[in-house]
């Protein structure tokens, strides 16, 4: 009986994360916590590539490439190329030490498919926080992840 109830709860959490993806650039640019700094191709001229990785599926289909660039002023940018994930009601992009959301820092609370770039907070420790997580906060579900090297 306990296994049946646990299975029902898990199924409910997984299917509850199926909502409409945010496609409006206007809605995303109004996010002042860490807005998407650009949509489209990132201009890496003069930038130093620090890390990169490929997204992998967790509970939901997630794909694309992630890169971290640093400019001459030591400002770092998280770049997602050809990024795609399933829709969810409360998706976040986190930097974390592992897929278990250990010692995470939120990059944004707006997730969209495509080519995007995001500012990385100066307090992020990329030597430790080298996993990019697509996380459904509402249901504590890992959609997908990338380990950067």
N, C-alpha and C. Protein backbone atom coordinates (compact mmCIF):
# COMPACT_ATOMS: atom_id res chain seq x y z
N UNK A 1 0.82 -1.19 0.00
CA UNK A 1 0.00 0.00 0.00
C UNK A 1 0.87 1.27 0.00
N UNK A 2 1.94 1.25 0.81
CA UNK A 2 2.83 2.41 0.87
C UNK A 2 3.49 2.67 -0.47
N UNK A 3 3.90 1.59 -1.16
CA UNK A 3 4.52 1.74 -2.48
C UNK A 3 3.52 2.31 -3.47
N UNK A 4 2.26 1.91 -3.39
CA UNK A 4 1.23 2.41 -4.28
C UNK A 4 1.01 3.90 -4.07
N UNK A 5 0.93 4.33 -2.82
CA UNK A 5 0.73 5.74 -2.51
C UNK A 5 1.94 6.56 -2.95
N UNK A 6 3.15 6.02 -2.71
CA UNK A 6 4.36 6.73 -3.13
C UNK A 6 4.41 6.86 -4.65
N UNK A 7 4.00 5.81 -5.36
CA UNK A 7 3.97 5.87 -6.82
C UNK A 7 2.98 6.91 -7.32
N UNK A 8 1.81 6.97 -6.69
CA UNK A 8 0.81 7.97 -7.07
C UNK A 8 1.32 9.39 -6.84
N UNK A 9 1.98 9.60 -5.71
CA UNK A 9 2.52 10.93 -5.40
C UNK A 9 3.59 11.34 -6.42
N UNK A 10 4.46 10.39 -6.76
CA UNK A 10 5.50 10.68 -7.74
C UNK A 10 4.89 10.99 -9.11
N UNK A 11 3.92 10.19 -9.53
CA UNK A 11 3.26 10.42 -10.82
C UNK A 11 2.58 11.79 -10.83
N UNK A 12 1.92 12.15 -9.75
CA UNK A 12 1.24 13.44 -9.67
C UNK A 12 2.24 14.58 -9.79
N UNK A 13 3.39 14.47 -9.09
CA UNK A 13 4.40 15.53 -9.14
C UNK A 13 4.98 15.67 -10.54
N UNK A 14 5.24 14.54 -11.20
CA UNK A 14 5.81 14.60 -12.54
C UNK A 14 4.86 15.21 -13.54
N UNK A 15 3.60 14.80 -13.52
CA UNK A 15 2.64 15.32 -14.48
C UNK A 15 2.18 16.74 -14.15
N UNK A 16 2.31 17.13 -12.89
CA UNK A 16 1.95 18.50 -12.52
C UNK A 16 2.92 19.52 -13.09
N UNK A 17 4.11 19.09 -13.41
CA UNK A 17 5.12 20.00 -13.96
C UNK A 17 4.93 20.21 -15.46
N UNK A 18 3.85 19.73 -16.04
CA UNK A 18 3.57 19.90 -17.46
C UNK A 18 2.67 21.10 -17.66
N UNK A 19 3.25 22.26 -17.85
CA UNK A 19 2.50 23.48 -18.14
C UNK A 19 3.12 24.18 -19.32
N UNK A 20 2.56 25.28 -19.70
CA UNK A 20 3.01 26.01 -20.88
C UNK A 20 4.37 26.68 -20.67
N UNK A 21 5.27 26.54 -21.63
CA UNK A 21 6.59 27.18 -21.59
C UNK A 21 6.42 28.67 -21.84
N UNK A 22 7.24 29.47 -21.16
CA UNK A 22 7.22 30.91 -21.38
C UNK A 22 7.90 31.18 -22.71
N UNK A 23 7.18 31.78 -23.65
CA UNK A 23 7.75 32.10 -24.95
C UNK A 23 7.88 33.59 -25.16
N UNK A 24 7.35 34.39 -24.29
CA UNK A 24 7.37 35.83 -24.47
C UNK A 24 8.68 36.44 -23.98
N UNK A 25 9.42 37.06 -24.89
CA UNK A 25 10.66 37.72 -24.49
C UNK A 25 10.37 38.88 -23.56
N UNK A 26 9.23 39.56 -23.74
CA UNK A 26 8.89 40.70 -22.89
C UNK A 26 8.73 40.28 -21.44
N UNK A 27 8.06 39.15 -21.20
CA UNK A 27 7.85 38.69 -19.83
C UNK A 27 9.18 38.37 -19.17
N UNK A 28 10.10 37.80 -19.91
CA UNK A 28 11.38 37.43 -19.36
C UNK A 28 12.23 38.66 -19.07
N UNK A 29 12.22 39.64 -19.95
CA UNK A 29 13.05 40.82 -19.76
C UNK A 29 12.58 41.69 -18.60
N UNK A 30 11.37 41.52 -18.14
CA UNK A 30 10.88 42.27 -16.99
C UNK A 30 11.34 41.67 -15.67
N UNK A 31 11.93 40.46 -15.69
CA UNK A 31 12.43 39.82 -14.49
C UNK A 31 13.69 40.55 -14.03
N UNK A 32 13.60 41.24 -12.90
CA UNK A 32 14.74 42.02 -12.44
C UNK A 32 15.67 41.22 -11.55
N UNK A 33 15.31 39.98 -11.15
CA UNK A 33 16.19 39.20 -10.30
C UNK A 33 17.45 38.78 -11.05
N UNK A 34 17.34 38.43 -12.28
CA UNK A 34 18.46 38.15 -13.18
C UNK A 34 17.88 37.93 -14.56
N UNK A 35 17.62 39.01 -15.26
CA UNK A 35 16.97 38.87 -16.56
C UNK A 35 17.88 38.21 -17.59
N UNK A 36 17.27 37.61 -18.57
CA UNK A 36 18.03 37.10 -19.69
C UNK A 36 18.64 38.30 -20.37
N UNK A 37 19.95 38.29 -20.51
CA UNK A 37 20.62 39.46 -21.04
C UNK A 37 20.51 39.55 -22.55
N UNK A 38 20.30 38.43 -23.20
CA UNK A 38 20.10 38.49 -24.64
C UNK A 38 19.48 37.19 -25.13
N UNK A 39 18.79 37.30 -26.22
CA UNK A 39 18.28 36.14 -26.92
C UNK A 39 19.00 36.10 -28.26
N UNK A 40 19.21 34.94 -28.78
CA UNK A 40 19.95 34.82 -30.03
C UNK A 40 21.37 34.39 -29.76
N UNK A 41 22.23 34.58 -30.73
CA UNK A 41 23.60 34.13 -30.63
C UNK A 41 24.44 35.07 -29.76
N UNK A 42 25.17 34.51 -28.84
CA UNK A 42 26.05 35.26 -27.95
C UNK A 42 27.33 35.63 -28.69
N UNK A 43 27.76 36.88 -28.60
CA UNK A 43 29.00 37.32 -29.23
C UNK A 43 30.15 37.05 -28.26
N UNK A 44 30.93 36.03 -28.55
CA UNK A 44 32.01 35.63 -27.65
C UNK A 44 33.35 36.32 -27.96
N UNK A 45 33.34 37.29 -28.87
CA UNK A 45 34.57 38.01 -29.21
C UNK A 45 35.14 38.68 -27.96
N UNK A 46 36.40 38.43 -27.69
CA UNK A 46 37.05 39.02 -26.52
C UNK A 46 36.71 38.32 -25.22
N UNK A 47 35.97 37.24 -25.29
CA UNK A 47 35.57 36.49 -24.10
C UNK A 47 36.45 35.25 -23.96
N UNK A 48 36.67 34.84 -22.73
CA UNK A 48 37.44 33.64 -22.44
C UNK A 48 36.47 32.51 -22.07
N UNK A 49 36.50 31.41 -22.81
CA UNK A 49 35.64 30.26 -22.51
C UNK A 49 36.22 29.53 -21.30
N UNK A 50 35.46 29.48 -20.20
CA UNK A 50 35.93 28.85 -18.96
C UNK A 50 35.49 27.40 -18.85
N UNK A 51 34.21 27.14 -19.12
CA UNK A 51 33.62 25.82 -18.93
C UNK A 51 32.58 25.56 -20.01
N UNK A 52 32.29 24.28 -20.23
CA UNK A 52 31.18 23.94 -21.10
C UNK A 52 30.71 22.53 -20.80
N UNK A 53 29.50 22.23 -21.24
CA UNK A 53 28.92 20.90 -21.04
C UNK A 53 27.69 20.74 -21.89
N UNK A 54 27.15 19.53 -21.90
CA UNK A 54 25.94 19.21 -22.64
C UNK A 54 24.82 18.86 -21.68
N UNK A 55 23.62 19.35 -21.97
CA UNK A 55 22.48 19.02 -21.15
C UNK A 55 22.09 17.56 -21.35
N UNK A 56 21.64 16.96 -20.26
CA UNK A 56 21.14 15.59 -20.26
C UNK A 56 19.76 15.57 -19.65
N UNK A 57 18.98 14.57 -20.02
CA UNK A 57 17.65 14.40 -19.45
C UNK A 57 17.76 13.95 -18.01
N UNK A 58 16.82 14.37 -17.21
CA UNK A 58 16.62 13.81 -15.87
C UNK A 58 15.21 13.22 -15.92
N UNK A 59 14.23 13.92 -15.34
CA UNK A 59 12.85 13.45 -15.39
C UNK A 59 12.17 13.88 -16.68
N UNK A 60 12.63 14.96 -17.29
CA UNK A 60 12.05 15.48 -18.52
C UNK A 60 13.12 15.62 -19.60
N UNK A 61 12.69 15.68 -20.83
CA UNK A 61 13.59 15.84 -21.96
C UNK A 61 14.23 17.23 -21.90
N UNK A 62 15.56 17.25 -21.91
CA UNK A 62 16.32 18.51 -21.86
C UNK A 62 17.56 18.33 -22.73
N UNK A 63 17.83 19.32 -23.59
CA UNK A 63 18.98 19.21 -24.48
C UNK A 63 19.58 20.59 -24.74
N UNK A 64 20.79 20.58 -25.29
CA UNK A 64 21.48 21.81 -25.62
C UNK A 64 22.89 21.82 -25.06
N UNK A 65 23.56 22.92 -25.30
CA UNK A 65 24.94 23.10 -24.85
C UNK A 65 24.96 24.29 -23.90
N UNK A 66 25.78 24.19 -22.86
CA UNK A 66 25.96 25.31 -21.93
C UNK A 66 27.44 25.67 -21.90
N UNK A 67 27.70 26.97 -21.88
CA UNK A 67 29.07 27.48 -21.83
C UNK A 67 29.13 28.62 -20.83
N UNK A 68 30.29 28.79 -20.22
CA UNK A 68 30.54 29.93 -19.35
C UNK A 68 31.70 30.72 -19.93
N UNK A 69 31.45 32.01 -20.15
CA UNK A 69 32.46 32.92 -20.67
C UNK A 69 32.78 33.97 -19.60
N UNK A 70 34.00 34.49 -19.68
CA UNK A 70 34.42 35.57 -18.79
C UNK A 70 35.03 36.67 -19.64
N UNK A 71 34.64 37.92 -19.36
CA UNK A 71 35.18 39.04 -20.12
C UNK A 71 36.41 39.62 -19.40
N UNK A 72 36.99 40.66 -19.98
CA UNK A 72 38.21 41.25 -19.42
C UNK A 72 37.98 41.86 -18.04
N UNK A 73 36.73 42.18 -17.70
CA UNK A 73 36.40 42.75 -16.40
C UNK A 73 36.02 41.67 -15.38
N UNK A 74 36.23 40.40 -15.75
CA UNK A 74 35.94 39.24 -14.89
C UNK A 74 34.45 39.00 -14.69
N UNK A 75 33.61 39.60 -15.53
CA UNK A 75 32.18 39.32 -15.49
C UNK A 75 31.94 38.05 -16.28
N UNK A 76 31.15 37.15 -15.68
CA UNK A 76 30.92 35.85 -16.29
C UNK A 76 29.49 35.76 -16.83
N UNK A 77 29.36 35.02 -17.92
CA UNK A 77 28.06 34.86 -18.58
C UNK A 77 27.80 33.39 -18.82
N UNK A 78 26.60 32.95 -18.48
CA UNK A 78 26.13 31.59 -18.75
C UNK A 78 25.40 31.63 -20.08
N UNK A 79 25.86 30.84 -21.05
CA UNK A 79 25.29 30.85 -22.38
C UNK A 79 24.68 29.47 -22.66
N UNK A 80 23.41 29.45 -23.03
CA UNK A 80 22.72 28.22 -23.42
C UNK A 80 22.50 28.28 -24.91
N UNK A 81 22.99 27.26 -25.61
CA UNK A 81 22.86 27.20 -27.07
C UNK A 81 21.94 26.05 -27.45
N UNK A 82 21.00 26.34 -28.36
CA UNK A 82 20.04 25.32 -28.81
C UNK A 82 19.38 24.62 -27.64
N UNK A 83 19.09 25.38 -26.60
CA UNK A 83 18.52 24.83 -25.37
C UNK A 83 17.05 24.49 -25.56
N UNK A 84 16.67 23.33 -25.05
CA UNK A 84 15.27 22.93 -25.11
C UNK A 84 14.95 22.04 -23.91
N UNK A 85 13.85 22.34 -23.26
CA UNK A 85 13.36 21.51 -22.16
C UNK A 85 11.84 21.49 -22.20
N UNK A 86 11.26 20.54 -21.50
CA UNK A 86 9.81 20.48 -21.40
C UNK A 86 9.31 21.66 -20.55
N UNK A 87 8.05 21.93 -20.66
CA UNK A 87 7.44 23.03 -19.89
C UNK A 87 7.25 22.63 -18.43
N UNK A 88 7.18 23.63 -17.57
CA UNK A 88 6.95 23.41 -16.15
C UNK A 88 6.40 24.66 -15.50
N UNK A 89 5.75 24.53 -14.34
CA UNK A 89 5.09 25.67 -13.71
C UNK A 89 6.02 26.61 -12.94
N UNK A 90 7.17 26.14 -12.50
CA UNK A 90 8.03 26.96 -11.64
C UNK A 90 9.49 26.60 -11.91
N UNK A 91 9.88 26.66 -13.18
CA UNK A 91 11.23 26.26 -13.56
C UNK A 91 12.25 27.33 -13.20
N UNK A 92 13.40 26.87 -12.77
CA UNK A 92 14.52 27.73 -12.38
C UNK A 92 15.78 27.19 -13.03
N UNK A 93 16.75 28.07 -13.21
CA UNK A 93 18.08 27.63 -13.61
C UNK A 93 18.98 27.87 -12.41
N UNK A 94 19.60 26.79 -11.94
CA UNK A 94 20.50 26.84 -10.80
C UNK A 94 21.90 26.44 -11.22
N UNK A 95 22.89 26.98 -10.54
CA UNK A 95 24.25 26.44 -10.52
C UNK A 95 24.37 25.70 -9.20
N UNK A 96 24.86 24.47 -9.23
CA UNK A 96 24.96 23.67 -8.01
C UNK A 96 26.20 22.79 -8.06
N UNK A 97 26.52 22.20 -6.91
CA UNK A 97 27.67 21.31 -6.83
C UNK A 97 27.39 19.94 -7.44
N UNK A 98 26.12 19.57 -7.51
CA UNK A 98 25.76 18.26 -8.04
C UNK A 98 24.30 18.27 -8.49
N UNK A 99 23.82 17.12 -8.97
CA UNK A 99 22.42 17.03 -9.43
C UNK A 99 21.43 17.03 -8.27
N UNK A 100 21.92 16.91 -7.05
CA UNK A 100 21.05 16.88 -5.87
C UNK A 100 20.80 18.27 -5.29
N UNK A 101 21.13 19.31 -6.02
CA UNK A 101 20.89 20.70 -5.64
C UNK A 101 21.70 21.11 -4.40
N UNK A 102 22.89 20.52 -4.26
CA UNK A 102 23.77 20.87 -3.14
C UNK A 102 24.42 22.22 -3.40
N UNK A 103 24.35 23.09 -2.39
CA UNK A 103 24.99 24.40 -2.45
C UNK A 103 24.69 25.12 -3.76
N UNK A 104 23.40 25.33 -4.03
CA UNK A 104 22.99 25.93 -5.30
C UNK A 104 22.86 27.44 -5.20
N UNK A 105 22.93 28.08 -6.37
CA UNK A 105 22.66 29.50 -6.50
C UNK A 105 21.72 29.65 -7.70
N UNK A 106 20.68 30.44 -7.53
CA UNK A 106 19.72 30.63 -8.62
C UNK A 106 20.25 31.64 -9.61
N UNK A 107 20.20 31.26 -10.89
CA UNK A 107 20.60 32.17 -11.96
C UNK A 107 19.39 32.95 -12.45
N UNK A 108 18.26 32.28 -12.63
CA UNK A 108 17.03 32.95 -13.04
C UNK A 108 15.82 32.10 -12.67
N UNK A 109 14.68 32.77 -12.58
CA UNK A 109 13.43 32.06 -12.36
C UNK A 109 12.55 32.09 -13.61
N UNK A 110 13.15 32.42 -14.72
CA UNK A 110 12.47 32.39 -16.02
C UNK A 110 13.28 31.49 -16.94
N UNK A 111 12.61 30.52 -17.54
CA UNK A 111 13.28 29.56 -18.41
C UNK A 111 12.59 29.59 -19.76
N UNK A 112 13.38 29.71 -20.81
CA UNK A 112 12.84 29.69 -22.16
C UNK A 112 13.74 28.83 -23.04
N UNK A 113 13.18 28.28 -24.07
CA UNK A 113 13.95 27.50 -25.03
C UNK A 113 14.65 28.43 -26.01
N UNK A 114 15.76 27.96 -26.58
CA UNK A 114 16.48 28.73 -27.59
C UNK A 114 17.90 29.03 -27.18
N UNK A 115 18.43 30.12 -27.71
CA UNK A 115 19.77 30.59 -27.41
C UNK A 115 19.65 31.77 -26.47
N UNK A 116 20.17 31.63 -25.25
CA UNK A 116 20.06 32.70 -24.26
C UNK A 116 21.37 32.87 -23.52
N UNK A 117 21.56 34.04 -22.94
CA UNK A 117 22.72 34.28 -22.09
C UNK A 117 22.26 34.98 -20.83
N UNK A 118 22.90 34.61 -19.73
CA UNK A 118 22.52 35.11 -18.41
C UNK A 118 23.77 35.52 -17.63
N UNK A 119 23.66 36.59 -16.89
CA UNK A 119 24.76 37.01 -16.03
C UNK A 119 24.89 36.02 -14.87
N UNK A 120 26.13 35.69 -14.55
CA UNK A 120 26.41 34.82 -13.40
C UNK A 120 26.78 35.71 -12.23
N UNK A 121 26.12 35.53 -11.08
CA UNK A 121 26.45 36.35 -9.91
C UNK A 121 27.93 36.21 -9.53
N UNK A 122 28.52 37.28 -9.03
CA UNK A 122 29.94 37.28 -8.70
C UNK A 122 30.27 36.32 -7.57
N UNK A 123 29.28 35.96 -6.73
CA UNK A 123 29.55 35.05 -5.62
C UNK A 123 29.45 33.57 -6.01
N UNK A 124 29.16 33.27 -7.26
CA UNK A 124 29.12 31.87 -7.71
C UNK A 124 30.54 31.32 -7.77
N UNK A 125 30.73 30.13 -7.20
CA UNK A 125 32.03 29.46 -7.20
C UNK A 125 31.99 28.36 -8.25
N UNK A 126 32.45 28.66 -9.45
CA UNK A 126 32.35 27.72 -10.57
C UNK A 126 33.26 26.51 -10.42
N UNK A 127 34.23 26.57 -9.55
CA UNK A 127 35.05 25.38 -9.28
C UNK A 127 34.23 24.32 -8.56
N UNK A 128 33.28 24.76 -7.74
CA UNK A 128 32.40 23.84 -7.02
C UNK A 128 31.03 23.73 -7.69
N UNK A 129 30.46 24.86 -8.04
CA UNK A 129 29.10 24.90 -8.61
C UNK A 129 29.20 24.75 -10.13
N UNK A 130 29.56 23.55 -10.57
CA UNK A 130 29.79 23.31 -12.00
C UNK A 130 28.67 22.52 -12.67
N UNK A 131 27.53 22.41 -12.02
CA UNK A 131 26.36 21.76 -12.61
C UNK A 131 25.29 22.82 -12.86
N UNK A 132 24.74 22.82 -14.06
CA UNK A 132 23.61 23.69 -14.39
C UNK A 132 22.37 22.81 -14.31
N UNK A 133 21.44 23.21 -13.45
CA UNK A 133 20.23 22.43 -13.24
C UNK A 133 19.01 23.17 -13.77
N UNK A 134 18.13 22.44 -14.43
CA UNK A 134 16.80 22.96 -14.77
C UNK A 134 15.88 22.31 -13.74
N UNK A 135 15.41 23.13 -12.80
CA UNK A 135 14.76 22.64 -11.60
C UNK A 135 13.35 23.19 -11.48
N UNK A 136 12.39 22.31 -11.23
CA UNK A 136 11.02 22.72 -10.93
C UNK A 136 10.93 22.88 -9.41
N UNK A 137 10.96 24.13 -8.96
CA UNK A 137 10.97 24.39 -7.52
C UNK A 137 9.67 23.97 -6.85
N UNK A 138 8.57 24.19 -7.53
CA UNK A 138 7.27 23.90 -6.94
C UNK A 138 7.14 22.43 -6.53
N UNK A 139 7.68 21.52 -7.35
CA UNK A 139 7.54 20.09 -7.07
C UNK A 139 8.87 19.40 -6.79
N UNK A 140 9.95 20.17 -6.66
CA UNK A 140 11.28 19.61 -6.40
C UNK A 140 11.63 18.51 -7.39
N UNK A 141 11.55 18.85 -8.67
CA UNK A 141 11.82 17.89 -9.75
C UNK A 141 12.95 18.43 -10.62
N UNK A 142 13.96 17.59 -10.86
CA UNK A 142 15.05 17.92 -11.76
C UNK A 142 14.63 17.56 -13.18
N UNK A 143 14.46 18.59 -14.02
CA UNK A 143 14.09 18.35 -15.42
C UNK A 143 15.28 17.84 -16.22
N UNK A 144 16.41 18.53 -16.10
CA UNK A 144 17.62 18.16 -16.82
C UNK A 144 18.80 18.88 -16.21
N UNK A 145 20.01 18.52 -16.67
CA UNK A 145 21.22 19.08 -16.07
C UNK A 145 22.36 19.01 -17.08
N UNK A 146 23.39 19.79 -16.79
CA UNK A 146 24.65 19.72 -17.53
C UNK A 146 25.78 19.87 -16.53
N UNK A 147 26.76 18.99 -16.63
CA UNK A 147 27.97 19.14 -15.82
C UNK A 147 28.99 19.82 -16.71
N UNK A 148 29.53 20.93 -16.22
CA UNK A 148 30.49 21.70 -17.01
C UNK A 148 31.92 21.35 -16.61
N UNK A 149 32.77 21.25 -17.63
CA UNK A 149 34.19 20.94 -17.39
C UNK A 149 35.03 21.92 -18.17
